[in-house]
């Protein structure tokens, strides 16, 4: 019998080999048609006009990051809420600390004006 780690290593090896073989086969079997229009930045046939750099306000990124942060935290709270009754009082106290930290972070972001949309 194989140990538990040997099974994990074997499956990891199979996954890496599968990915490598698939990528090598795709590179060898793909059609090699190269011409100037294909190598251009845009393949739609319309020439690029102007610069491709777009300056965005940092608030868009901060707002998106805060959304992702609190969305992921919701994913942690929901399973806990489903099993909260069976976890007992220590788990409720731990979740209270967790939610307090989240609330402090939200209050800090709000105070800094990160949630104001202009």
PDB file of N, CA and C in Angstrom:
ATOM      1  N   UNK A   1       0.831  -1.186   0.000  1.00  0.00           N
ATOM      2  CA  UNK A   1       0.000   0.000   0.000  1.00  0.00           C
ATOM      3  C   UNK A   1       0.873   1.245   0.000  1.00  0.00           C
ATOM      4  N   UNK A   2       0.356   2.248  -0.672  1.00  0.00           N
ATOM      5  CA  UNK A   2       1.068   3.524  -0.721  1.00  0.00           C
ATOM      6  C   UNK A   2       0.614   4.394   0.442  1.00  0.00           C
ATOM      7  N   UNK A   3       1.545   5.192   0.928  1.00  0.00           N
ATOM      8  CA  UNK A   3       1.151   6.095   2.002  1.00  0.00           C
ATOM      9  C   UNK A   3       0.312   7.234   1.418  1.00  0.00           C
ATOM     10  N   UNK A   4      -0.300   8.018   2.299  1.00  0.00           N
ATOM     11  CA  UNK A   4      -1.172   9.104   1.853  1.00  0.00           C
ATOM     12  C   UNK A   4      -0.389  10.143   1.059  1.00  0.00           C
ATOM     13  N   UNK A   5       0.841  10.429   1.471  1.00  0.00           N
ATOM     14  CA  UNK A   5       1.638  11.410   0.748  1.00  0.00           C
ATOM     15  C   UNK A   5       2.060  10.888  -0.618  1.00  0.00           C
ATOM     16  N   UNK A   6       2.312   9.590  -0.730  1.00  0.00           N
ATOM     17  CA  UNK A   6       2.696   9.006  -2.015  1.00  0.00           C
ATOM     18  C   UNK A   6       1.556   9.153  -3.024  1.00  0.00           C
ATOM     19  N   UNK A   7       0.339   9.007  -2.572  1.00  0.00           N
ATOM     20  CA  UNK A   7      -0.812   9.184  -3.459  1.00  0.00           C
ATOM     21  C   UNK A   7      -0.902  10.635  -3.930  1.00  0.00           C
ATOM     22  N   UNK A   8      -0.692  11.546  -3.009  1.00  0.00           N
ATOM     23  CA  UNK A   8      -0.726  12.968  -3.377  1.00  0.00           C
ATOM     24  C   UNK A   8       0.382  13.286  -4.369  1.00  0.00           C
ATOM     25  N   UNK A   9       1.592  12.775  -4.122  1.00  0.00           N
ATOM     26  CA  UNK A   9       2.705  13.018  -5.033  1.00  0.00           C
ATOM     27  C   UNK A   9       2.435  12.400  -6.396  1.00  0.00           C
ATOM     28  N   UNK A  10       1.878  11.205  -6.425  1.00  0.00           N
ATOM     29  CA  UNK A  10       1.579  10.548  -7.691  1.00  0.00           C
ATOM     30  C   UNK A  10       0.539  11.335  -8.482  1.00  0.00           C
ATOM     31  N   UNK A  11      -0.504  11.803  -7.817  1.00  0.00           N
ATOM     32  CA  UNK A  11      -1.529  12.586  -8.511  1.00  0.00           C
ATOM     33  C   UNK A  11      -0.981  13.928  -8.988  1.00  0.00           C
ATOM     34  N   UNK A  12      -0.089  14.529  -8.199  1.00  0.00           N
ATOM     35  CA  UNK A  12       0.546  15.778  -8.621  1.00  0.00           C
ATOM     36  C   UNK A  12       1.414  15.542  -9.845  1.00  0.00           C
ATOM     37  N   UNK A  13       2.160  14.462  -9.853  1.00  0.00           N
ATOM     38  CA  UNK A  13       2.991  14.119 -10.999  1.00  0.00           C
ATOM     39  C   UNK A  13       2.139  13.877 -12.246  1.00  0.00           C
ATOM     40  N   UNK A  14       1.043  13.171 -12.098  1.00  0.00           N
ATOM     41  CA  UNK A  14       0.146  12.924 -13.230  1.00  0.00           C
ATOM     42  C   UNK A  14      -0.428  14.246 -13.755  1.00  0.00           C
ATOM     43  N   UNK A  15      -0.809  15.141 -12.859  1.00  0.00           N
ATOM     44  CA  UNK A  15      -1.365  16.425 -13.277  1.00  0.00           C
ATOM     45  C   UNK A  15      -0.332  17.261 -14.018  1.00  0.00           C
ATOM     46  N   UNK A  16       0.894  17.312 -13.513  1.00  0.00           N
ATOM     47  CA  UNK A  16       1.950  18.093 -14.164  1.00  0.00           C
ATOM     48  C   UNK A  16       2.306  17.486 -15.519  1.00  0.00           C
ATOM     49  N   UNK A  17       2.430  16.179 -15.572  1.00  0.00           N
ATOM     50  CA  UNK A  17       2.718  15.528 -16.851  1.00  0.00           C
ATOM     51  C   UNK A  17       1.597  15.736 -17.855  1.00  0.00           C
ATOM     52  N   UNK A  18       0.358  15.641 -17.418  1.00  0.00           N
ATOM     53  CA  UNK A  18      -0.774  15.872 -18.323  1.00  0.00           C
ATOM     54  C   UNK A  18      -0.744  17.286 -18.884  1.00  0.00           C
ATOM     55  N   UNK A  19      -0.491  18.266 -18.021  1.00  0.00           N
ATOM     56  CA  UNK A  19      -0.428  19.654 -18.477  1.00  0.00           C
ATOM     57  C   UNK A  19       0.728  19.850 -19.452  1.00  0.00           C
ATOM     58  N   UNK A  20       1.888  19.295 -19.141  1.00  0.00           N
ATOM     59  CA  UNK A  20       3.056  19.454 -20.013  1.00  0.00           C
ATOM     60  C   UNK A  20       2.831  18.795 -21.363  1.00  0.00           C
ATOM     61  N   UNK A  21       2.326  17.577 -21.356  1.00  0.00           N
ATOM     62  CA  UNK A  21       2.080  16.867 -22.618  1.00  0.00           C
ATOM     63  C   UNK A  21       1.031  17.604 -23.444  1.00  0.00           C
ATOM     64  N   UNK A  22      -0.001  18.104 -22.823  1.00  0.00           N
ATOM     65  CA  UNK A  22      -1.048  18.826 -23.547  1.00  0.00           C
ATOM     66  C   UNK A  22      -0.501  20.104 -24.174  1.00  0.00           C
ATOM     67  N   UNK A  23       0.284  20.869 -23.419  1.00  0.00           N
ATOM     68  CA  UNK A  23       0.849  22.105 -23.959  1.00  0.00           C
ATOM     69  C   UNK A  23       1.850  21.835 -25.083  1.00  0.00           C
ATOM     70  N   UNK A  24       2.675  20.818 -24.932  1.00  0.00           N
ATOM     71  CA  UNK A  24       3.642  20.477 -25.988  1.00  0.00           C
ATOM     72  C   UNK A  24       2.912  19.995 -27.233  1.00  0.00           C
ATOM     73  N   UNK A  25       1.902  19.159 -27.069  1.00  0.00           N
ATOM     74  CA  UNK A  25       1.139  18.684 -28.226  1.00  0.00           C
ATOM     75  C   UNK A  25       0.425  19.837 -28.922  1.00  0.00           C
ATOM     76  N   UNK A  26      -0.113  20.776 -28.173  1.00  0.00           N
ATOM     77  CA  UNK A  26      -0.783  21.924 -28.779  1.00  0.00           C
ATOM     78  C   UNK A  26       0.208  22.772 -29.566  1.00  0.00           C
ATOM     79  N   UNK A  27       1.417  22.941 -29.054  1.00  0.00           N
ATOM     80  CA  UNK A  27       2.429  23.731 -29.775  1.00  0.00           C
ATOM     81  C   UNK A  27       2.881  23.024 -31.041  1.00  0.00           C
ATOM     82  N   UNK A  28       3.019  21.718 -30.990  1.00  0.00           N
ATOM     83  CA  UNK A  28       3.472  20.968 -32.161  1.00  0.00           C
ATOM     84  C   UNK A  28       2.389  20.818 -33.227  1.00  0.00           C
ATOM     85  N   UNK A  29       1.140  20.734 -32.819  1.00  0.00           N
ATOM     86  CA  UNK A  29       0.060  20.454 -33.761  1.00  0.00           C
ATOM     87  C   UNK A  29      -0.664  21.690 -34.275  1.00  0.00           C
ATOM     88  N   UNK A  30      -0.376  22.868 -33.722  1.00  0.00           N
ATOM     89  CA  UNK A  30      -1.101  24.068 -34.137  1.00  0.00           C
ATOM     90  C   UNK A  30      -0.690  24.480 -35.541  1.00  0.00           C
ATOM     91  N   UNK A  31      -1.583  25.145 -36.264  1.00  0.00           N
ATOM     92  CA  UNK A  31      -1.209  25.647 -37.590  1.00  0.00           C
ATOM     93  C   UNK A  31      -0.236  26.824 -37.453  1.00  0.00           C
ATOM     94  N   UNK A  32       0.751  26.861 -38.346  1.00  0.00           N
ATOM     95  CA  UNK A  32       1.755  27.921 -38.284  1.00  0.00           C
ATOM     96  C   UNK A  32       1.573  28.891 -39.446  1.00  0.00           C
ATOM     97  N   UNK A  33       0.567  29.724 -39.341  1.00  0.00           N
ATOM     98  CA  UNK A  33       0.309  30.738 -40.356  1.00  0.00           C
ATOM     99  C   UNK A  33       0.631  32.080 -39.740  1.00  0.00           C
ATOM    100  N   UNK A  34       1.733  32.673 -40.187  1.00  0.00           N
ATOM    101  CA  UNK A  34       2.141  33.952 -39.639  1.00  0.00           C
ATOM    102  C   UNK A  34       2.215  34.971 -40.762  1.00  0.00           C
ATOM    103  N   UNK A  35       1.551  36.072 -40.572  1.00  0.00           N
ATOM    104  CA  UNK A  35       1.637  37.180 -41.513  1.00  0.00           C
ATOM    105  C   UNK A  35       1.472  38.467 -40.721  1.00  0.00           C
ATOM    106  N   UNK A  36       1.741  39.576 -41.356  1.00  0.00           N
ATOM    107  CA  UNK A  36       1.832  40.853 -40.640  1.00  0.00           C
ATOM    108  C   UNK A  36       0.556  41.198 -39.894  1.00  0.00           C
ATOM    109  N   UNK A  37      -0.596  41.009 -40.520  1.00  0.00           N
ATOM    110  CA  UNK A  37      -1.852  41.372 -39.866  1.00  0.00           C
ATOM    111  C   UNK A  37      -2.105  40.482 -38.641  1.00  0.00           C
ATOM    112  N   UNK A  38      -1.725  39.232 -38.734  1.00  0.00           N
ATOM    113  CA  UNK A  38      -1.908  38.323 -37.603  1.00  0.00           C
ATOM    114  C   UNK A  38      -1.018  38.722 -36.426  1.00  0.00           C
ATOM    115  N   UNK A  39       0.151  39.260 -36.701  1.00  0.00           N
ATOM    116  CA  UNK A  39       1.081  39.639 -35.657  1.00  0.00           C
ATOM    117  C   UNK A  39       0.840  41.041 -35.109  1.00  0.00           C
ATOM    118  N   UNK A  40      -0.137  41.751 -35.656  1.00  0.00           N
ATOM    119  CA  UNK A  40      -0.425  43.089 -35.160  1.00  0.00           C
ATOM    120  C   UNK A  40      -1.120  43.005 -33.804  1.00  0.00           C
ATOM    121  N   UNK A  41      -1.239  44.167 -33.155  1.00  0.00           N
ATOM    122  CA  UNK A  41      -1.803  44.192 -31.813  1.00  0.00           C
ATOM    123  C   UNK A  41      -3.261  43.766 -31.821  1.00  0.00           C
ATOM    124  N   UNK A  42      -4.026  44.243 -32.785  1.00  0.00           N
ATOM    125  CA  UNK A  42      -5.442  43.922 -32.851  1.00  0.00           C
ATOM    126  C   UNK A  42      -5.716  43.161 -34.137  1.00  0.00           C
ATOM    127  N   UNK A  43      -6.466  42.087 -34.054  1.00  0.00           N
ATOM    128  CA  UNK A  43      -6.762  41.271 -35.214  1.00  0.00           C
ATOM    129  C   UNK A  43      -8.074  41.651 -35.892  1.00  0.00           C
ATOM    130  N   UNK A  44      -8.737  42.684 -35.409  1.00  0.00           N
ATOM    131  CA  UNK A  44     -10.050  43.008 -35.945  1.00  0.00           C
ATOM    132  C   UNK A  44      -9.967  43.744 -37.278  1.00  0.00           C
ATOM    133  N   UNK A  45      -8.779  44.147 -37.717  1.00  0.00           N
ATOM    134  CA  UNK A  45      -8.640  44.821 -38.994  1.00  0.00           C
ATOM    135  C   UNK A  45      -8.649  46.326 -38.898  1.00  0.00           C
ATOM    136  N   UNK A  46      -8.982  46.875 -37.767  1.00  0.00           N
ATOM    137  CA  UNK A  46      -8.997  48.324 -37.588  1.00  0.00           C
ATOM    138  C   UNK A  46      -7.658  48.723 -36.976  1.00  0.00           C
ATOM    139  N   UNK A  47      -6.940  49.642 -37.612  1.00  0.00           N
ATOM    140  CA  UNK A  47      -5.648  50.043 -37.030  1.00  0.00           C
ATOM    141  C   UNK A  47      -5.837  50.765 -35.699  1.00  0.00           C
ATOM    142  N   UNK A  48      -4.898  50.554 -34.808  1.00  0.00           N
ATOM    143  CA  UNK A  48      -4.959  51.189 -33.494  1.00  0.00           C
ATOM    144  C   UNK A  48      -4.700  52.679 -33.633  1.00  0.00           C
ATOM    145  N   UNK A  49      -5.507  53.478 -32.950  1.00  0.00           N
ATOM    146  CA  UNK A  49      -5.367  54.925 -32.983  1.00  0.00           C
ATOM    147  C   UNK A  49      -5.065  55.402 -31.568  1.00  0.00           C
ATOM    148  N   UNK A  50      -4.024  56.180 -31.412  1.00  0.00           N
ATOM    149  CA  UNK A  50      -3.701  56.713 -30.098  1.00  0.00           C
ATOM    150  C   UNK A  50      -2.962  55.705 -29.242  1.00  0.00           C
ATOM    151  N   UNK A  51      -2.849  56.048 -27.997  1.00  0.00           N
ATOM    152  CA  UNK A  51      -2.130  55.197 -27.055  1.00  0.00           C
ATOM    153  C   UNK A  51      -3.073  54.152 -26.439  1.00  0.00           C
ATOM    154  N   UNK A  52      -2.507  53.065 -26.029  1.00  0.00           N
ATOM    155  CA  UNK A  52      -3.311  52.017 -25.392  1.00  0.00           C
ATOM    156  C   UNK A  52      -3.349  52.174 -23.877  1.00  0.00           C
ATOM    157  N   UNK A  53      -2.602  53.124 -23.350  1.00  0.00           N
ATOM    158  CA  UNK A  53      -2.594  53.351 -21.910  1.00  0.00           C
ATOM    159  C   UNK A  53      -3.817  54.164 -21.503  1.00  0.00           C
ATOM    160  N   UNK A  54      -4.541  53.667 -20.546  1.00  0.00           N
ATOM    161  CA  UNK A  54      -5.712  54.367 -20.030  1.00  0.00           C
ATOM    162  C   UNK A  54      -5.448  54.681 -18.566  1.00  0.00           C
ATOM    163  N   UNK A  55      -5.521  55.935 -18.222  1.00  0.00           N
ATOM    164  CA  UNK A  55      -5.293  56.346 -16.835  1.00  0.00           C
ATOM    165  C   UNK A  55      -6.608  56.260 -16.072  1.00  0.00           C
ATOM    166  N   UNK A  56      -6.649  55.410 -15.084  1.00  0.00           N
ATOM    167  CA  UNK A  56      -7.824  55.267 -14.244  1.00  0.00           C
ATOM    168  C   UNK A  56      -7.517  55.787 -12.845  1.00  0.00           C
ATOM    169  N   UNK A  57      -8.527  56.274 -12.215  1.00  0.00           N
ATOM    170  CA  UNK A  57      -8.380  56.753 -10.851  1.00  0.00           C
ATOM    171  C   UNK A  57      -8.145  55.563  -9.922  1.00  0.00           C
ATOM    172  N   UNK A  58      -7.281  55.722  -8.946  1.00  0.00           N
ATOM    173  CA  UNK A  58      -6.950  54.640  -8.022  1.00  0.00           C
ATOM    174  C   UNK A  58      -8.160  54.222  -7.199  1.00  0.00           C
ATOM    175  N   UNK A  59      -9.159  55.100  -7.082  1.00  0.00           N
ATOM    176  CA  UNK A  59     -10.342  54.766  -6.292  1.00  0.00           C
ATOM    177  C   UNK A  59     -11.103  53.576  -6.878  1.00  0.00           C
ATOM    178  N   UNK A  60     -11.051  53.399  -8.192  1.00  0.00           N
ATOM    179  CA  UNK A  60     -11.704  52.240  -8.792  1.00  0.00           C
ATOM    180  C   UNK A  60     -11.091  50.955  -8.249  1.00  0.00           C
ATOM    181  N   UNK A  61      -9.764  50.920  -8.161  1.00  0.00           N
ATOM    182  CA  UNK A  61      -9.076  49.735  -7.671  1.00  0.00           C
ATOM    183  C   UNK A  61      -9.342  49.517  -6.181  1.00  0.00           C
ATOM    184  N   UNK A  62      -9.308  50.584  -5.413  1.00  0.00           N
ATOM    185  CA  UNK A  62      -9.547  50.473  -3.977  1.00  0.00           C
ATOM    186  C   UNK A  62     -10.968  49.983  -3.721  1.00  0.00           C
ATOM    187  N   UNK A  63     -11.924  50.530  -4.447  1.00  0.00           N
ATOM    188  CA  UNK A  63     -13.321  50.124  -4.278  1.00  0.00           C
ATOM    189  C   UNK A  63     -13.493  48.647  -4.646  1.00  0.00           C
ATOM    190  N   UNK A  64     -12.885  48.237  -5.754  1.00  0.00           N
ATOM    191  CA  UNK A  64     -12.973  46.832  -6.174  1.00  0.00           C
ATOM    192  C   UNK A  64     -12.298  45.916  -5.161  1.00  0.00           C
ATOM    193  N   UNK A  65     -11.163  46.338  -4.628  1.00  0.00           N
ATOM    194  CA  UNK A  65     -10.459  45.528  -3.642  1.00  0.00           C
ATOM    195  C   UNK A  65     -11.267  45.386  -2.358  1.00  0.00           C
ATOM    196  N   UNK A  66     -11.886  46.461  -1.929  1.00  0.00           N
ATOM    197  CA  UNK A  66     -12.738  46.391  -0.738  1.00  0.00           C
ATOM    198  C   UNK A  66     -13.935  45.482  -0.976  1.00  0.00           C
ATOM    199  N   UNK A  67     -14.514  45.558  -2.179  1.00  0.00           N
ATOM    200  CA  UNK A  67     -15.637  44.673  -2.491  1.00  0.00           C
ATOM    201  C   UNK A  67     -15.213  43.214  -2.426  1.00  0.00           C
ATOM    202  N   UNK A  68     -14.090  42.890  -3.047  1.00  0.00           N
ATOM    203  CA  UNK A  68     -13.612  41.501  -3.033  1.00  0.00           C
ATOM    204  C   UNK A  68     -13.312  41.059  -1.613  1.00  0.00           C
ATOM    205  N   UNK A  69     -12.686  41.935  -0.825  1.00  0.00           N
ATOM    206  CA  UNK A  69     -12.365  41.593   0.557  1.00  0.00           C
ATOM    207  C   UNK A  69     -13.613  41.235   1.354  1.00  0.00           C
ATOM    208  N   UNK A  70     -14.621  42.102   1.312  1.00  0.00           N
ATOM    209  CA  UNK A  70     -15.814  41.841   2.111  1.00  0.00           C
ATOM    210  C   UNK A  70     -16.668  40.735   1.508  1.00  0.00           C
ATOM    211  N   UNK A  71     -16.572  40.519   0.204  1.00  0.00           N
ATOM    212  CA  UNK A  71     -17.290  39.417  -0.419  1.00  0.00           C
ATOM    213  C   UNK A  71     -16.696  38.080   0.023  1.00  0.00           C
ATOM    214  N   UNK A  72     -15.376  38.001   0.069  1.00  0.00           N
ATOM    215  CA  UNK A  72     -14.722  36.768   0.512  1.00  0.00           C
ATOM    216  C   UNK A  72     -14.989  36.533   1.990  1.00  0.00           C
ATOM    217  N   UNK A  73     -15.023  37.595   2.774  1.00  0.00           N
ATOM    218  CA  UNK A  73     -15.311  37.425   4.196  1.00  0.00           C
ATOM    219  C   UNK A  73     -16.728  36.893   4.407  1.00  0.00           C
ATOM    220  N   UNK A  74     -17.638  37.274   3.543  1.00  0.00           N
ATOM    221  CA  UNK A  74     -18.995  36.721   3.612  1.00  0.00           C
ATOM    222  C   UNK A  74     -18.964  35.213   3.386  1.00  0.00           C
ATOM    223  N   UNK A  75     -18.072  34.757   2.525  1.00  0.00           N
ATOM    224  CA  UNK A  75     -17.938  33.318   2.292  1.00  0.00           C
ATOM    225  C   UNK A  75     -17.438  32.588   3.534  1.00  0.00           C
ATOM    226  N   UNK A  76     -16.702  33.270   4.388  1.00  0.00           N
ATOM    227  CA  UNK A  76     -16.263  32.662   5.641  1.00  0.00           C
ATOM    228  C   UNK A  76     -17.373  32.667   6.690  1.00  0.00           C
ATOM    229  N   UNK A  77     -18.177  33.705   6.699  1.00  0.00           N
ATOM    230  CA  UNK A  77     -19.196  33.842   7.735  1.00  0.00           C
ATOM    231  C   UNK A  77     -20.380  32.907   7.473  1.00  0.00           C
ATOM    232  N   UNK A  78     -20.757  32.706   6.232  1.00  0.00           N
ATOM    233  CA  UNK A  78     -21.959  31.915   5.933  1.00  0.00           C
ATOM    234  C   UNK A  78     -21.864  30.468   6.434  1.00  0.00           C
ATOM    235  N   UNK A  79     -20.804  29.716   6.126  1.00  0.00           N
ATOM    236  CA  UNK A  79     -20.751  28.342   6.659  1.00  0.00           C
ATOM    237  C   UNK A  79     -20.715  28.307   8.181  1.00  0.00           C
ATOM    238  N   UNK A  80     -20.059  29.303   8.779  1.00  0.00           N
ATOM    239  CA  UNK A  80     -20.028  29.361  10.239  1.00  0.00           C
ATOM    240  C   UNK A  80     -21.437  29.567  10.786  1.00  0.00           C
ATOM    241  N   UNK A  81     -22.222  30.438  10.141  1.00  0.00           N
ATOM    242  CA  UNK A  81     -23.582  30.714  10.619  1.00  0.00           C
ATOM    243  C   UNK A  81     -24.458  29.471  10.533  1.00  0.00           C
ATOM    244  N   UNK A  82     -24.204  28.630   9.540  1.00  0.00           N
ATOM    245  CA  UNK A  82     -25.000  27.412   9.392  1.00  0.00           C
ATOM    246  C   UNK A  82     -24.718  26.451  10.543  1.00  0.00           C
ATOM    247  N   UNK A  83     -23.475  26.401  11.010  1.00  0.00           N
ATOM    248  CA  UNK A  83     -23.102  25.444  12.058  1.00  0.00           C
ATOM    249  C   UNK A  83     -22.857  26.107  13.412  1.00  0.00           C
ATOM    250  N   UNK A  84     -23.265  27.341  13.591  1.00  0.00           N
ATOM    251  CA  UNK A  84     -22.961  28.083  14.819  1.00  0.00           C
ATOM    252  C   UNK A  84     -23.548  27.433  16.059  1.00  0.00           C
ATOM    253  N   UNK A  85     -24.722  26.852  15.935  1.00  0.00           N
ATOM    254  CA  UNK A  85     -25.368  26.270  17.105  1.00  0.00           C
ATOM    255  C   UNK A  85     -24.566  25.093  17.666  1.00  0.00           C
ATOM    256  N   UNK A  86     -23.982  24.296  16.776  1.00  0.00           N
ATOM    257  CA  UNK A  86     -23.235  23.127  17.244  1.00  0.00           C
ATOM    258  C   UNK A  86     -21.795  23.463  17.646  1.00  0.00           C
ATOM    259  N   UNK A  87     -21.312  24.637  17.291  1.00  0.00           N
ATOM    260  CA  UNK A  87     -19.924  24.999  17.606  1.00  0.00           C
ATOM    261  C   UNK A  87     -19.738  25.465  19.037  1.00  0.00           C
ATOM    262  N   UNK A  88     -20.752  26.078  19.592  1.00  0.00           N
ATOM    263  CA  UNK A  88     -20.669  26.488  20.990  1.00  0.00           C
ATOM    264  C   UNK A  88     -20.244  27.933  21.177  1.00  0.00           C
ATOM    265  N   UNK A  89     -20.112  28.297  22.450  1.00  0.00           N
ATOM    266  CA  UNK A  89     -19.825  29.679  22.834  1.00  0.00           C
ATOM    267  C   UNK A  89     -18.444  30.167  22.383  1.00  0.00           C
ATOM    268  N   UNK A  90     -17.376  29.371  22.464  1.00  0.00           N
ATOM    269  CA  UNK A  90     -16.067  29.881  22.012  1.00  0.00           C
ATOM    270  C   UNK A  90     -16.069  30.285  20.538  1.00  0.00           C
ATOM    271  N   UNK A  91     -16.763  29.537  19.724  1.00  0.00           N
ATOM    272  CA  UNK A  91     -16.818  29.864  18.295  1.00  0.00           C
ATOM    273  C   UNK A  91     -17.586  31.159  18.070  1.00  0.00           C
ATOM    274  N   UNK A  92     -18.606  31.388  18.867  1.00  0.00           N
ATOM    275  CA  UNK A  92     -19.366  32.639  18.742  1.00  0.00           C
ATOM    276  C   UNK A  92     -18.480  33.817  19.151  1.00  0.00           C
ATOM    277  N   UNK A  93     -17.682  33.652  20.190  1.00  0.00           N
ATOM    278  CA  UNK A  93     -16.770  34.719  20.618  1.00  0.00           C
ATOM    279  C   UNK A  93     -15.706  34.975  19.552  1.00  0.00           C
ATOM    280  N   UNK A  94     -15.165  33.917  18.967  1.00  0.00           N
ATOM    281  CA  UNK A  94     -14.166  34.077  17.920  1.00  0.00           C
ATOM    282  C   UNK A  94     -14.749  34.794  16.705  1.00  0.00           C
ATOM    283  N   UNK A  95     -15.969  34.461  16.335  1.00  0.00           N
ATOM    284  CA  UNK A  95     -16.600  35.129  15.200  1.00  0.00           C
ATOM    285  C   UNK A  95     -16.886  36.587  15.546  1.00  0.00           C
ATOM    286  N   UNK A  96     -17.197  36.868  16.799  1.00  0.00           N
ATOM    287  CA  UNK A  96     -17.392  38.250  17.210  1.00  0.00           C
ATOM    288  C   UNK A  96     -16.120  39.065  17.036  1.00  0.00           C
ATOM    289  N   UNK A  97     -14.977  38.484  17.406  1.00  0.00           N
ATOM    290  CA  UNK A  97     -13.694  39.166  17.218  1.00  0.00           C
ATOM    291  C   UNK A  97     -13.416  39.365  15.727  1.00  0.00           C
ATOM    292  N   UNK A  98     -13.675  38.341  14.945  1.00  0.00           N
ATOM    293  CA  UNK A  98     -13.470  38.411  13.495  1.00  0.00           C
ATOM    294  C   UNK A  98     -14.320  39.518  12.875  1.00  0.00           C
ATOM    295  N   UNK A  99     -15.584  39.564  13.231  1.00  0.00           N
ATOM    296  CA  UNK A  99     -16.481  40.583  12.690  1.00  0.00           C
ATOM    297  C   UNK A  99     -16.122  41.971  13.213  1.00  0.00           C
ATOM    298  N   UNK A 100     -15.619  42.060  14.439  1.00  0.00           N
ATOM    299  CA  UNK A 100     -15.182  43.358  14.966  1.00  0.00           C
ATOM    300  C   UNK A 100     -13.994  43.888  14.168  1.00  0.00           C
ATOM    301  N   UNK A 101     -13.060  43.017  13.819  1.00  0.00           N
ATOM    302  CA  UNK A 101     -11.919  43.425  13.002  1.00  0.00           C
ATOM    303  C   UNK A 101     -12.400  43.893  11.631  1.00  0.00           C
ATOM    304  N   UNK A 102     -13.345  43.168  11.055  1.00  0.00           N
ATOM    305  CA  UNK A 102     -13.907  43.592   9.765  1.00  0.00           C
ATOM    306  C   UNK A 102     -14.602  44.940   9.884  1.00  0.00           C
ATOM    307  N   UNK A 103     -15.343  45.132  10.949  1.00  0.00           N
ATOM    308  CA  UNK A 103     -16.048  46.392  11.140  1.00  0.00           C
ATOM    309  C   UNK A 103     -15.067  47.545  11.312  1.00  0.00           C
ATOM    310  N   UNK A 104     -13.988  47.313  12.046  1.00  0.00           N
ATOM    311  CA  UNK A 104     -12.967  48.353  12.225  1.00  0.00           C
ATOM    312  C   UNK A 104     -12.332  48.691  10.866  1.00  0.00           C
ATOM    313  N   UNK A 105     -12.068  47.689  10.058  1.00  0.00           N
ATOM    314  CA  UNK A 105     -11.521  47.936   8.721  1.00  0.00           C
ATOM    315  C   UNK A 105     -12.483  48.717   7.850  1.00  0.00           C
ATOM    316  N   UNK A 106     -13.766  48.384   7.932  1.00  0.00           N
ATOM    317  CA  UNK A 106     -14.769  49.117   7.167  1.00  0.00           C
ATOM    318  C   UNK A 106     -14.880  50.560   7.653  1.00  0.00           C
ATOM    319  N   UNK A 107     -14.862  50.750   8.964  1.00  0.00           N
ATOM    320  CA  UNK A 107     -14.932  52.118   9.507  1.00  0.00           C
ATOM    321  C   UNK A 107     -13.708  52.924   9.092  1.00  0.00           C
ATOM    322  N   UNK A 108     -12.540  52.303   9.065  1.00  0.00           N
ATOM    323  CA  UNK A 108     -11.321  52.994   8.638  1.00  0.00           C
ATOM    324  C   UNK A 108     -11.413  53.396   7.171  1.00  0.00           C
ATOM    325  N   UNK A 109     -11.867  52.470   6.316  1.00  0.00           N
ATOM    326  CA  UNK A 109     -12.009  52.786   4.891  1.00  0.00           C
ATOM    327  C   UNK A 109     -13.037  53.888   4.689  1.00  0.00           C
ATOM    328  N   UNK A 110     -14.095  53.847   5.442  1.00  0.00           N
ATOM    329  CA  UNK A 110     -15.141  54.872   5.341  1.00  0.00           C
ATOM    330  C   UNK A 110     -14.592  56.235   5.787  1.00  0.00           C
ATOM    331  N   UNK A 111     -13.836  56.242   6.874  1.00  0.00           N
ATOM    332  CA  UNK A 111     -13.270  57.496   7.374  1.00  0.00           C
ATOM    333  C   UNK A 111     -12.256  58.089   6.397  1.00  0.00           C
ATOM    334  N   UNK A 112     -11.519  57.240   5.698  1.00  0.00           N
ATOM    335  CA  UNK A 112     -10.544  57.704   4.716  1.00  0.00           C
ATOM    336  C   UNK A 112     -11.181  58.146   3.402  1.00  0.00           C
ATOM    337  N   UNK A 113     -12.499  57.891   3.257  1.00  0.00           N
ATOM    338  CA  UNK A 113     -13.201  58.297   2.040  1.00  0.00           C
ATOM    339  C   UNK A 113     -13.073  57.306   0.899  1.00  0.00           C
ATOM    340  N   UNK A 114     -12.667  56.070   1.194  1.00  0.00           N
ATOM    341  CA  UNK A 114     -12.497  55.077   0.146  1.00  0.00           C
ATOM    342  C   UNK A 114     -13.818  54.613  -0.446  1.00  0.00           C
ATOM    343  N   UNK A 115     -14.918  54.822   0.268  1.00  0.00           N
ATOM    344  CA  UNK A 115     -16.216  54.360  -0.213  1.00  0.00           C
ATOM    345  C   UNK A 115     -17.021  55.472  -0.893  1.00  0.00           C
ATOM    346  N   UNK A 116     -16.452  56.668  -0.992  1.00  0.00           N
ATOM    347  CA  UNK A 116     -17.154  57.758  -1.650  1.00  0.00           C
ATOM    348  C   UNK A 116     -16.945  57.664  -3.155  1.00  0.00           C
ATOM    349  N   UNK A 117     -18.023  57.675  -3.884  1.00  0.00           N
ATOM    350  CA  UNK A 117     -17.977  57.577  -5.335  1.00  0.00           C
ATOM    351  C   UNK A 117     -18.253  58.941  -5.934  1.00  0.00           C
ATOM    352  N   UNK A 118     -17.306  59.455  -6.691  1.00  0.00           N
ATOM    353  CA  UNK A 118     -17.477  60.801  -7.260  1.00  0.00           C
ATOM    354  C   UNK A 118     -17.718  60.726  -8.742  1.00  0.00           C
TER     355      UNK A 118
END
